[in-house]
């Protein structure tokens, strides 16, 4: 009875406060709650895939020497032209197979009859033959660059332009001399090339055209022992202004017929590397000299690998002195890390080549032979087989057997 009276009292109080039955009912029913959807966890941002490195190859060859015997052998009586192609055909797979290829053209070009030692000239066709073989650029600064005077130097550059070959080391005008560095696309890697020679075989640089050839010795007519480091530095600055990935210096230097470099070469090489060079590619000795990968410090303080070749000997010639018939086609591997931007030489290999010289009445008389390939094919001539084996051993002893890229 007491519980019932309490319920009536509560009801009376509620209705007295103006709450009707419907309101009371709503107060007694459960209140709906909005559904809460949990926020999804954020999708993690994937790590960016590192860009793959850019890898390219640069083929380097030695001195292209146009002795009279070479040009005589190149003469094609039926066509009435000089054709040097057969002399170097066996090098073509290695030259053409690289992304870019360079050679030292150690002769002016002429539209007349070629001449030999001591003042060389080769037929214009040599430029076109080098281009057909796969070359892209020639060093034209060497001790024979002025053999036909300033006019011969200018004409040579004109012919190279017509043949589609770039060139460094000589110039036709002050303006060309101030912009003598060549920026090349080597398989997606930019390389700036500059060129120098130690001297000109006692021929003075024309006073009216002091810019026509890059000679790095102040005493180039006498002792050949006083490097003009300011001139070398100016060339490196020209190259650096092109903002390349790498700087390559092609340089004519050293002592002929010596298979070891001298201290002058070492000092100049050290200076070049210390001031921004990444590759130093030498020639002139007519015989092989050592090569190496070394650590270099760029002007911005970064460290990377550089490459030095003191000499690759003769690419082709008619010389008969010891070792002058032995050379290589050198292939450098260049790699740019596309995360860091650092570009460097990451490896190299060479193919031993031998300049075969037949009897005077034989045609062709001169032929650059791929030594390993010829031996693998079989050589019946015992003397030739012995010369090929000797050439390979010479390459191994001077350049290192482990870098022989065509060794069976």
Protein backbone atom coordinates (compact mmCIF):
# COMPACT_ATOMS: atom_id res chain seq x y z
CA UNK A 1 0.00 0.00 0.00
CA UNK A 2 2.81 2.43 0.85
CA UNK A 3 4.64 1.59 -2.47
CA UNK A 4 1.46 2.25 -4.44
CA UNK A 5 0.87 5.61 -2.74
CA UNK A 6 4.45 6.65 -3.57
CA UNK A 7 3.94 5.90 -7.24
CA UNK A 8 0.76 7.99 -7.32
CA UNK A 9 2.53 10.86 -5.67
CA UNK A 10 5.32 10.77 -8.26
CA UNK A 11 2.79 10.70 -11.05
CA UNK A 12 0.96 13.67 -9.59
CA UNK A 13 4.16 15.63 -9.29
CA UNK A 14 5.12 14.93 -12.86
CA UNK A 15 1.77 15.87 -14.30
CA UNK A 16 1.70 18.94 -12.10
CA UNK A 17 4.94 20.09 -13.61
CA UNK A 18 3.34 20.00 -17.02
CA UNK A 19 4.72 16.70 -18.23
CA UNK A 20 2.08 14.75 -20.02
CA UNK A 21 1.94 11.07 -20.55
CA UNK A 22 3.70 11.16 -23.90
CA UNK A 23 6.57 13.08 -22.41
CA UNK A 24 6.79 10.70 -19.57
CA UNK A 25 6.89 7.84 -21.96
CA UNK A 26 9.72 9.42 -23.89
CA UNK A 27 11.64 9.95 -20.70
CA UNK A 28 11.29 6.34 -19.83
CA UNK A 29 12.41 5.06 -23.32
CA UNK A 30 16.15 4.63 -24.20
CA UNK A 31 17.75 7.51 -26.17
CA UNK A 32 19.25 6.39 -29.52
CA UNK A 33 23.02 6.94 -29.86
CA UNK A 34 24.55 7.95 -33.21
CA UNK A 35 26.79 5.30 -34.68
CA UNK A 36 30.48 6.30 -34.38
CA UNK A 37 32.66 5.08 -37.31
CA UNK A 38 36.31 4.90 -36.35
CA UNK A 39 38.69 6.89 -38.56
CA UNK A 40 40.84 4.63 -40.79
CA UNK A 41 44.57 4.50 -40.16
CA UNK A 42 46.47 6.69 -42.71
CA UNK A 43 48.10 4.78 -45.59
CA UNK A 44 51.89 5.04 -45.17
CA UNK A 45 53.69 6.91 -47.96
CA UNK A 46 55.84 4.41 -49.84
CA UNK A 47 59.56 5.02 -49.91
CA UNK A 48 60.57 6.46 -53.31
CA UNK A 49 62.35 3.98 -55.57
CA UNK A 50 65.96 5.09 -56.02
CA UNK A 51 66.66 6.04 -59.63
CA UNK A 52 68.97 3.53 -61.33
CA UNK A 53 72.51 4.69 -62.11
CA UNK A 54 73.50 5.79 -65.61
CA UNK A 55 76.29 3.62 -67.01
CA UNK A 56 78.16 4.46 -70.23
CA UNK A 57 81.31 3.42 -72.08
CA UNK A 58 84.11 5.52 -73.57
CA UNK A 59 86.57 3.97 -76.05
CA UNK A 60 90.06 5.49 -76.20
CA UNK A 61 92.75 4.81 -78.82
CA UNK A 62 96.32 6.00 -79.30
CA UNK A 63 98.14 7.87 -82.05
CA UNK A 64 96.93 7.62 -85.67
CA UNK A 65 100.24 8.08 -87.53
CA UNK A 66 100.23 8.58 -91.30
CA UNK A 67 103.71 7.48 -92.31
CA UNK A 68 104.31 7.35 -96.08
CA UNK A 69 104.12 3.56 -96.01
CA UNK A 70 100.68 3.76 -94.42
CA UNK A 71 99.33 6.19 -97.00
CA UNK A 72 100.89 4.19 -99.85
CA UNK A 73 99.13 1.10 -98.58
CA UNK A 74 95.88 3.08 -98.36
CA UNK A 75 96.02 4.07 -102.04
CA UNK A 76 93.26 2.36 -104.04
CA UNK A 77 94.34 2.47 -107.67
CA UNK A 78 91.00 1.34 -109.07
CA UNK A 79 88.98 4.01 -107.29
CA UNK A 80 91.70 6.65 -107.34
CA UNK A 81 91.33 7.37 -103.61
CA UNK A 82 93.19 6.83 -100.35
CA UNK A 83 91.25 4.44 -98.14
CA UNK A 84 92.72 3.73 -94.68
CA UNK A 85 89.79 1.55 -93.61
CA UNK A 86 91.41 -1.87 -94.03
CA UNK A 87 94.29 -0.88 -91.74
CA UNK A 88 92.02 -0.54 -88.69
CA UNK A 89 88.94 -2.65 -89.46
CA UNK A 90 89.54 -5.21 -86.69
CA UNK A 91 89.31 -2.43 -84.08
CA UNK A 92 85.85 -1.42 -85.30
CA UNK A 93 83.72 -3.66 -83.02
CA UNK A 94 85.31 -2.12 -79.92
CA UNK A 95 85.32 1.47 -81.15
CA UNK A 96 81.84 1.38 -82.63
CA UNK A 97 80.49 -0.61 -79.68
CA UNK A 98 81.24 2.16 -77.17
CA UNK A 99 78.89 5.06 -76.49
CA UNK A 100 81.66 7.49 -77.52
CA UNK A 101 85.18 7.06 -78.93
CA UNK A 102 88.27 9.29 -79.10
CA UNK A 103 91.64 9.10 -80.86
CA UNK A 104 94.75 11.24 -81.36
CA UNK A 105 94.95 12.38 -84.99
CA UNK A 106 98.70 12.91 -85.33
CA UNK A 107 98.75 14.40 -88.80
CA UNK A 108 97.36 17.37 -90.71
CA UNK A 109 95.04 16.55 -93.63
CA UNK A 110 95.70 17.44 -97.24
CA UNK A 111 93.85 17.36 -100.55
CA UNK A 112 97.12 16.62 -102.33
CA UNK A 113 99.58 13.75 -102.07
CA UNK A 114 100.18 12.69 -98.44
CA UNK A 115 103.65 13.20 -96.99
CA UNK A 116 105.61 11.29 -94.37
CA UNK A 117 108.31 11.95 -91.79
CA UNK A 118 109.38 14.49 -90.66
CA UNK A 119 106.36 16.62 -91.66
CA UNK A 120 103.31 14.48 -91.97
CA UNK A 121 100.08 14.86 -93.87
CA UNK A 122 97.34 12.35 -94.63
CA UNK A 123 94.58 12.33 -97.21
CA UNK A 124 91.28 13.91 -96.22
CA UNK A 125 89.75 10.44 -96.41
CA UNK A 126 91.45 9.53 -93.12
CA UNK A 127 88.96 11.75 -91.29
CA UNK A 128 86.02 10.05 -92.98
CA UNK A 129 87.51 6.59 -92.39
CA UNK A 130 87.95 7.34 -88.67
CA UNK A 131 84.33 8.48 -88.52
CA UNK A 132 83.17 5.31 -90.29
CA UNK A 133 85.11 3.23 -87.78
CA UNK A 134 83.07 4.79 -84.97
CA UNK A 135 85.20 7.64 -83.65
CA UNK A 136 83.51 10.82 -82.41
CA UNK A 137 86.36 13.13 -81.38
CA UNK A 138 90.03 13.70 -82.23
CA UNK A 139 92.83 15.31 -80.28
CA UNK A 140 94.54 17.65 -82.76
CA UNK A 141 97.09 19.18 -80.37
CA UNK A 142 100.31 17.22 -80.86
CA UNK A 143 103.88 17.73 -82.02
CA UNK A 144 102.87 17.35 -85.70
CA UNK A 145 99.93 19.77 -85.64
CA UNK A 146 101.96 22.52 -87.36
CA UNK A 147 103.68 20.27 -89.89
CA UNK A 148 101.81 22.08 -92.70
CA UNK A 149 101.76 25.46 -91.02
CA UNK A 150 98.82 27.45 -89.77
CA UNK A 151 96.92 27.00 -93.03
CA UNK A 152 97.28 23.23 -92.75
CA UNK A 153 96.02 23.36 -89.16
CA UNK A 154 92.95 25.35 -90.23
CA UNK A 155 92.25 23.09 -93.17
CA UNK A 156 92.45 20.00 -90.97
CA UNK A 157 89.78 21.38 -88.64
CA UNK A 158 87.58 22.26 -91.63
CA UNK A 159 87.80 18.68 -92.93
CA UNK A 160 87.08 17.21 -89.50
CA UNK A 161 83.98 19.41 -89.26
CA UNK A 162 82.83 18.17 -92.67
CA UNK A 163 83.39 14.57 -91.61
CA UNK A 164 81.40 15.06 -88.40
CA UNK A 165 84.32 14.62 -86.01
CA UNK A 166 84.66 16.88 -82.98
CA UNK A 167 88.16 18.10 -82.13
CA UNK A 168 90.08 19.62 -79.22
CA UNK A 169 93.50 21.23 -78.83
CA UNK A 170 93.75 23.47 -81.91
CA UNK A 171 91.74 26.51 -83.02
CA UNK A 172 91.15 28.66 -86.08
CA UNK A 173 90.46 31.92 -84.24
CA UNK A 174 90.77 33.60 -80.83
CA UNK A 175 87.05 33.04 -80.28
CA UNK A 176 87.38 29.33 -80.98
CA UNK A 177 90.42 29.18 -78.73
CA UNK A 178 88.49 30.69 -75.83
CA UNK A 179 85.78 28.05 -76.21
CA UNK A 180 87.92 25.07 -77.17
CA UNK A 181 86.42 22.60 -74.70
CA UNK A 182 83.96 20.14 -76.25
CA UNK A 183 80.94 18.93 -74.28
CA UNK A 184 80.02 15.40 -75.36
CA UNK A 185 77.06 13.19 -74.54
CA UNK A 186 78.62 9.85 -73.62
CA UNK A 187 75.67 7.51 -73.23
CA UNK A 188 73.73 10.00 -71.12
CA UNK A 189 76.77 11.22 -69.17
CA UNK A 190 78.17 14.63 -70.09
CA UNK A 191 81.95 14.77 -70.53
CA UNK A 192 83.90 17.96 -71.28
CA UNK A 193 87.07 17.32 -73.31
CA UNK A 194 90.12 19.61 -73.53
CA UNK A 195 93.44 18.95 -75.30
CA UNK A 196 97.13 19.90 -74.96
CA UNK A 197 100.56 19.10 -76.36
CA UNK A 198 104.02 19.43 -74.84
CA UNK A 199 105.44 21.05 -78.01
CA UNK A 200 105.51 21.33 -81.81
CA UNK A 201 108.80 19.72 -82.94
CA UNK A 202 110.59 23.07 -82.84
CA UNK A 203 108.08 24.84 -85.08
CA UNK A 204 107.15 28.19 -83.51
CA UNK A 205 103.52 29.04 -82.98
CA UNK A 206 102.62 31.82 -85.46
CA UNK A 207 102.77 35.21 -83.76
CA UNK A 208 99.57 36.25 -85.51
CA UNK A 209 97.74 33.18 -84.21
CA UNK A 210 98.96 32.42 -80.67
CA UNK A 211 95.68 30.66 -79.87
CA UNK A 212 95.95 28.13 -82.70
CA UNK A 213 97.39 25.31 -80.55
CA UNK A 214 97.28 24.47 -76.85
CA UNK A 215 100.93 24.03 -75.88
CA UNK A 216 101.34 23.62 -72.13
CA UNK A 217 105.13 24.14 -71.85
CA UNK A 218 106.48 27.69 -71.79
CA UNK A 219 109.81 26.39 -73.12
CA UNK A 220 108.18 24.33 -75.87
CA UNK A 221 110.98 25.20 -78.35
CA UNK A 222 113.85 24.21 -76.05
CA UNK A 223 113.88 22.15 -72.86
CA UNK A 224 110.20 21.10 -72.60
CA UNK A 225 110.38 21.23 -68.82
CA UNK A 226 108.53 24.37 -67.71
CA UNK A 227 104.77 23.69 -67.56
CA UNK A 228 102.48 26.70 -67.86
CA UNK A 229 100.07 25.76 -65.07
CA UNK A 230 97.99 28.88 -65.65
CA UNK A 231 97.28 27.70 -69.18
CA UNK A 232 96.33 24.23 -67.98
CA UNK A 233 94.08 25.77 -65.34
CA UNK A 234 92.38 27.98 -67.94
CA UNK A 235 91.46 24.91 -69.95
CA UNK A 236 90.01 23.19 -66.91
CA UNK A 237 87.97 26.30 -66.14
CA UNK A 238 86.65 26.30 -69.72
CA UNK A 239 85.56 22.71 -69.24
CA UNK A 240 84.03 23.34 -65.81
CA UNK A 241 81.97 26.23 -67.20
CA UNK A 242 80.12 23.68 -69.36
CA UNK A 243 78.85 22.02 -66.13
CA UNK A 244 79.74 18.47 -67.17
CA UNK A 245 79.53 15.28 -65.16
CA UNK A 246 83.21 14.61 -65.91
CA UNK A 247 86.22 16.49 -67.30
CA UNK A 248 88.64 14.65 -69.62
CA UNK A 249 92.08 16.03 -70.53
CA UNK A 250 93.67 14.57 -73.66
CA UNK A 251 97.38 15.32 -73.55
CA UNK A 252 100.47 14.71 -75.71
CA UNK A 253 103.53 14.29 -73.47
CA UNK A 254 106.38 12.12 -72.25
CA UNK A 255 109.45 10.57 -73.85
CA UNK A 256 109.25 8.54 -77.04
CA UNK A 257 109.81 4.75 -76.85
CA UNK A 258 109.78 4.69 -73.04
CA UNK A 259 107.33 2.25 -71.48
CA UNK A 260 107.36 4.12 -68.16
CA UNK A 261 106.21 7.67 -67.49
CA UNK A 262 108.65 10.32 -66.28
CA UNK A 263 108.32 12.67 -63.31
CA UNK A 264 107.18 15.56 -65.53
CA UNK A 265 104.14 13.53 -66.61
CA UNK A 266 103.44 12.62 -63.00
CA UNK A 267 103.59 16.24 -61.83
CA UNK A 268 101.32 17.49 -64.59
CA UNK A 269 98.86 14.64 -64.00
CA UNK A 270 98.74 15.42 -60.27
CA UNK A 271 98.04 19.08 -61.05
CA UNK A 272 95.25 18.22 -63.48
CA UNK A 273 93.52 15.91 -61.00
CA UNK A 274 93.92 18.41 -58.18
CA UNK A 275 92.19 21.07 -60.27
CA UNK A 276 89.16 19.18 -61.49
CA UNK A 277 90.19 16.64 -64.11
CA UNK A 278 88.52 13.23 -63.84
CA UNK A 279 90.23 11.54 -66.78
CA UNK A 280 93.75 12.16 -68.11
CA UNK A 281 94.31 10.42 -71.45
CA UNK A 282 97.90 10.62 -72.65
CA UNK A 283 99.84 9.83 -75.80
CA UNK A 284 103.01 10.52 -77.82
CA UNK A 285 105.45 7.85 -76.62
CA UNK A 286 104.50 5.46 -79.50
CA UNK A 287 104.58 2.63 -76.95
CA UNK A 288 102.30 1.62 -74.11
CA UNK A 289 102.73 3.21 -70.69
CA UNK A 290 100.90 2.38 -67.42
CA UNK A 291 97.32 3.28 -66.55
CA UNK A 292 95.43 3.36 -63.27
CA UNK A 293 92.25 4.26 -61.41
CA UNK A 294 92.98 6.72 -58.61
CA UNK A 295 91.03 8.59 -55.94
CA UNK A 296 90.52 12.25 -56.79
CA UNK A 297 88.97 15.15 -54.92
CA UNK A 298 86.67 17.41 -56.92
CA UNK A 299 86.76 21.21 -56.44
CA UNK A 300 83.58 20.94 -54.34
CA UNK A 301 85.34 18.59 -51.91
CA UNK A 302 83.66 15.34 -52.99
CA UNK A 303 85.86 12.32 -53.50
CA UNK A 304 85.52 9.91 -56.38
CA UNK A 305 87.50 7.73 -58.74
CA UNK A 306 89.45 9.18 -61.65
CA UNK A 307 91.44 7.51 -64.41
CA UNK A 308 94.93 8.06 -65.79
CA UNK A 309 96.49 6.56 -68.93
CA UNK A 310 100.01 7.78 -69.61
CA UNK A 311 100.04 6.42 -73.18
CA UNK A 312 98.27 3.93 -75.42
CA UNK A 313 101.09 3.89 -77.97
CA UNK A 314 100.35 3.99 -81.70
CA UNK A 315 96.83 3.25 -82.83
CA UNK A 316 98.37 2.56 -86.22
CA UNK A 317 101.76 3.45 -87.74
CA UNK A 318 104.60 2.04 -89.84
CA UNK A 319 107.16 2.23 -87.03
CA UNK A 320 109.40 -0.76 -86.43
CA UNK A 321 111.02 0.14 -83.08
CA UNK A 322 110.41 -2.26 -80.21
CA UNK A 323 106.82 -2.19 -78.84
CA UNK A 324 105.66 0.38 -81.44
CA UNK A 325 103.55 -2.31 -83.14
CA UNK A 326 101.58 -3.05 -79.96
CA UNK A 327 98.56 -1.11 -78.75
CA UNK A 328 95.09 -1.58 -77.26
CA UNK A 329 91.56 -0.34 -77.63
CA UNK A 330 90.74 0.86 -74.13
CA UNK A 331 87.17 0.92 -72.85
CA UNK A 332 86.29 2.94 -69.75
CA UNK A 333 83.09 2.36 -67.76
CA UNK A 334 81.57 5.63 -66.53
CA UNK A 335 78.82 5.60 -63.90
CA UNK A 336 76.64 8.41 -62.55
CA UNK A 337 74.84 7.80 -59.26
CA UNK A 338 71.51 9.53 -59.95
CA UNK A 339 70.79 9.89 -56.22
CA UNK A 340 74.02 11.65 -55.26
CA UNK A 341 74.91 13.07 -58.66
CA UNK A 342 78.46 11.72 -58.35
CA UNK A 343 79.94 10.47 -61.63
CA UNK A 344 83.13 8.48 -61.76
CA UNK A 345 85.15 5.84 -63.60
CA UNK A 346 84.01 2.50 -62.23
CA UNK A 347 86.09 0.16 -64.34
CA UNK A 348 88.14 -0.37 -67.48
CA UNK A 349 89.34 -3.08 -69.83
CA UNK A 350 91.42 -3.29 -72.98
CA UNK A 351 91.76 -5.40 -76.11
CA UNK A 352 95.38 -6.13 -77.22
CA UNK A 353 96.03 -5.14 -80.85
CA UNK A 354 99.07 -5.80 -83.07
CA UNK A 355 100.12 -3.89 -86.21
CA UNK A 356 101.02 -6.50 -88.78
CA UNK A 357 103.53 -5.48 -91.45
CA UNK A 358 103.75 -7.62 -94.59
CA UNK A 359 106.33 -7.53 -97.39
CA UNK A 360 106.58 -4.48 -99.61
CA UNK A 361 104.69 -6.11 -102.50
CA UNK A 362 101.89 -7.47 -100.35
CA UNK A 363 98.50 -5.73 -100.35
CA UNK A 364 97.26 -4.92 -97.83
CA UNK A 365 100.64 -4.49 -96.27
CA UNK A 366 99.56 -3.02 -92.91
CA UNK A 367 96.74 -4.35 -90.76
CA UNK A 368 95.85 -3.79 -87.11
CA UNK A 369 95.06 -7.25 -85.72
CA UNK A 370 92.88 -8.26 -82.78
CA UNK A 371 95.52 -10.49 -81.15
CA UNK A 372 93.30 -12.81 -79.10
CA UNK A 373 90.71 -13.20 -81.85
CA UNK A 374 93.35 -14.05 -84.45
CA UNK A 375 95.02 -16.63 -82.20
CA UNK A 376 91.65 -18.20 -81.36
CA UNK A 377 90.88 -18.55 -85.06
CA UNK A 378 94.19 -20.30 -85.62
CA UNK A 379 97.42 -18.90 -87.06
CA UNK A 380 99.52 -21.14 -89.29
CA UNK A 381 102.34 -18.63 -89.66
CA UNK A 382 104.62 -19.40 -86.72
CA UNK A 383 106.34 -16.02 -86.83
CA UNK A 384 103.04 -14.13 -86.75
CA UNK A 385 101.74 -16.34 -83.96
CA UNK A 386 104.84 -15.57 -81.92
CA UNK A 387 104.49 -11.83 -82.55
CA UNK A 388 100.83 -11.89 -81.47
CA UNK A 389 101.67 -13.77 -78.28
CA UNK A 390 104.50 -11.33 -77.57
CA UNK A 391 102.14 -8.36 -78.08
CA UNK A 392 99.68 -9.81 -75.57
CA UNK A 393 102.44 -10.35 -73.02
CA UNK A 394 103.62 -6.76 -73.53
CA UNK A 395 100.11 -5.50 -72.79
CA UNK A 396 99.88 -7.66 -69.70
CA UNK A 397 103.25 -6.58 -68.31
CA UNK A 398 102.64 -2.84 -68.80
CA UNK A 399 98.88 -2.53 -68.30
CA UNK A 400 98.02 -5.52 -66.08
CA UNK A 401 96.77 -8.90 -67.20
CA UNK A 402 93.62 -8.60 -65.10
CA UNK A 403 92.35 -5.77 -67.31
CA UNK A 404 92.63 -7.72 -70.54
CA UNK A 405 88.96 -7.83 -71.47
CA UNK A 406 89.30 -10.21 -74.40
CA UNK A 407 91.48 -12.86 -72.77
CA UNK A 408 89.96 -16.34 -73.41
